[in-house]
Protein backbone atom coordinates (compact mmCIF):
# COMPACT_ATOMS: atom_id res chain seq x y z
CA MET A 1 0.00 0.00 0.00
CA ALA A 2 1.10 3.55 -0.64
CA PRO A 3 2.89 5.07 2.39
CA HIS A 4 2.50 8.78 1.54
CA THR A 5 -0.45 11.10 1.88
CA ASP A 6 -2.26 13.49 -0.42
CA GLU A 7 -4.15 16.70 0.36
CA ARG A 8 -7.35 15.54 -1.42
CA ILE A 9 -7.21 12.16 0.30
CA ASP A 10 -6.73 13.89 3.65
CA LEU A 11 -9.74 16.12 2.94
CA PHE A 12 -11.86 13.11 1.99
CA ARG A 13 -10.80 11.21 5.11
CA ARG A 14 -11.52 14.17 7.39
CA GLU A 15 -14.70 15.64 5.87
CA TYR A 16 -16.44 12.94 3.82
CA LEU A 17 -15.45 9.54 5.21
CA PRO A 18 -17.59 9.99 8.37
CA ILE A 19 -20.62 10.75 6.17
CA LEU A 20 -19.89 7.71 4.02
CA VAL A 21 -19.61 5.49 7.10
CA ALA A 22 -22.89 6.79 8.56
CA GLY A 23 -24.82 6.36 5.32
CA PHE A 24 -23.37 3.19 3.79
CA LYS A 25 -21.50 1.37 6.60
CA PRO A 26 -18.65 0.25 4.34
CA ALA A 27 -16.38 -2.63 5.27
CA LEU A 28 -13.58 -1.21 3.12
CA VAL A 29 -12.76 2.16 1.57
CA MET A 30 -9.63 2.58 -0.54
CA ALA A 31 -8.12 5.45 -2.49
CA PHE A 32 -6.22 4.35 -5.58
CA GLY A 33 -4.85 5.78 -8.80
CA SER A 34 -2.61 8.81 -9.17
CA ARG A 35 -3.45 10.34 -5.79
CA ALA A 36 -2.65 7.14 -3.89
CA ARG A 37 0.56 6.71 -5.89
CA GLY A 38 1.69 10.28 -5.26
CA GLU A 39 1.53 11.18 -8.96
CA ALA A 40 -1.52 13.45 -8.96
CA LEU A 41 -1.67 16.73 -10.80
CA ALA A 42 -3.52 19.69 -9.28
CA HIS A 43 -6.82 18.76 -10.96
CA SER A 44 -6.54 14.97 -10.76
CA ASP A 45 -9.69 13.29 -9.52
CA LEU A 46 -9.86 11.03 -6.50
CA ASP A 47 -10.40 7.35 -7.28
CA LEU A 48 -12.25 5.43 -4.56
CA LEU A 49 -13.18 1.79 -4.13
CA ILE A 50 -15.97 1.21 -1.62
CA VAL A 51 -17.15 -2.19 -0.39
CA SER A 52 -20.47 -2.28 1.45
CA ALA A 53 -23.27 -4.77 1.99
CA SER A 54 -25.66 -1.82 1.60
CA PHE A 55 -25.05 -1.99 -2.17
CA GLN A 56 -26.82 -5.36 -2.29
CA GLY A 57 -29.84 -5.09 -4.59
CA VAL A 58 -28.80 -1.65 -5.94
CA LYS A 59 -28.00 -1.47 -9.66
CA TRP A 60 -24.26 -1.22 -10.23
CA LEU A 61 -24.47 2.12 -12.08
CA ASP A 62 -26.76 3.63 -9.43
CA ARG A 63 -24.34 2.95 -6.58
CA PRO A 64 -21.73 5.66 -7.27
CA VAL A 65 -24.47 8.19 -8.01
CA ARG A 66 -25.99 7.54 -4.59
CA VAL A 67 -22.60 7.83 -2.89
CA ILE A 68 -21.65 11.07 -4.65
CA GLU A 69 -25.06 12.63 -3.96
CA ALA A 70 -24.98 11.60 -0.30
CA LEU A 71 -21.50 13.04 0.20
CA GLY A 72 -22.04 16.26 -1.75
CA LEU A 73 -18.49 16.14 -3.10
CA ASP A 74 -17.24 19.37 -4.62
CA PHE A 75 -14.26 17.87 -6.46
CA GLY A 76 -13.74 15.25 -9.15
CA VAL A 77 -14.15 11.67 -8.01
CA ASP A 78 -14.49 8.24 -9.61
CA VAL A 79 -16.19 5.71 -7.36
CA LEU A 80 -16.28 1.93 -7.71
CA CYS A 81 -18.90 0.36 -5.44
CA TYR A 82 -19.08 -3.37 -4.70
CA THR A 83 -20.80 -5.72 -2.30
CA PRO A 84 -18.37 -7.87 -0.27
CA GLU A 85 -19.15 -10.88 -2.49
CA GLU A 86 -18.55 -8.95 -5.71
CA PHE A 87 -15.33 -7.53 -4.33
CA ALA A 88 -14.00 -10.95 -3.30
CA GLN A 89 -14.57 -12.17 -6.85
CA LYS A 90 -13.27 -9.07 -8.65
CA ARG A 91 -10.05 -8.80 -6.68
CA GLU A 92 -9.01 -12.22 -7.98
CA GLU A 93 -9.50 -11.17 -11.62
CA LEU A 94 -7.12 -9.11 -13.73
CA GLY A 95 -8.48 -5.58 -13.73
CA ILE A 96 -8.95 -2.34 -11.86
CA VAL A 97 -10.05 -3.90 -8.57
CA ARG A 98 -6.93 -6.05 -8.29
CA THR A 99 -4.76 -3.07 -9.23
CA ALA A 100 -6.50 -0.91 -6.62
CA THR A 101 -5.87 -3.49 -3.90
CA GLU A 102 -2.22 -3.82 -4.88
CA GLU A 103 -1.31 -0.14 -5.08
CA GLY A 104 -4.10 1.65 -3.22
CA MET A 105 -4.32 3.24 0.20
CA ILE A 106 -6.76 1.85 2.75
CA LEU A 107 -8.83 4.61 4.34
CA LEU A 108 -11.16 2.30 6.29
CA GLY A 109 -11.17 -1.42 7.04
CA GLU A 110 -8.55 -3.93 6.06
CA LEU A 111 -7.90 -6.50 3.37
CA ALA A 112 -7.86 -10.20 4.08
CA PRO A 113 -5.12 -12.12 2.29
CA SER A 114 -5.85 -12.42 -1.42
CA ASP A 115 -6.63 -16.02 -2.13
CA ALA A 116 -9.58 -18.16 -3.18
CA GLY A 117 -12.49 -17.40 -0.86
CA ALA A 118 -10.79 -14.38 0.72
CA GLU A 119 -13.24 -12.21 2.60
CA LEU A 120 -13.11 -8.81 4.21
CA ARG A 121 -12.40 -8.51 7.87
CA GLY A 122 -14.35 -6.06 9.95
């Protein structure tokens, strides 16, 4: 995981993460992409991966809209929202979720070891 910090990530953690926790009770929240790697430009967006059981039964494309509206973010953000079951499957596949877990920054929760049947820990 990335050891440094970023001003936008700090702002999100301080101002918006408590709102996210209250509204969606996520098991895991990660920042990833250029901000987590320390390569962000001034106007780079914040990439977030959110894992929450509250996304169960909500259409995949509706999830980030609900999160962004609930938080009232005033800066660019890309949000990936998964249920714990979806996340466990996606993190084993080649793609953005695996990349996020390998190079991202955990803001809330923790990752269980990545192996078949890996689940999130509380």
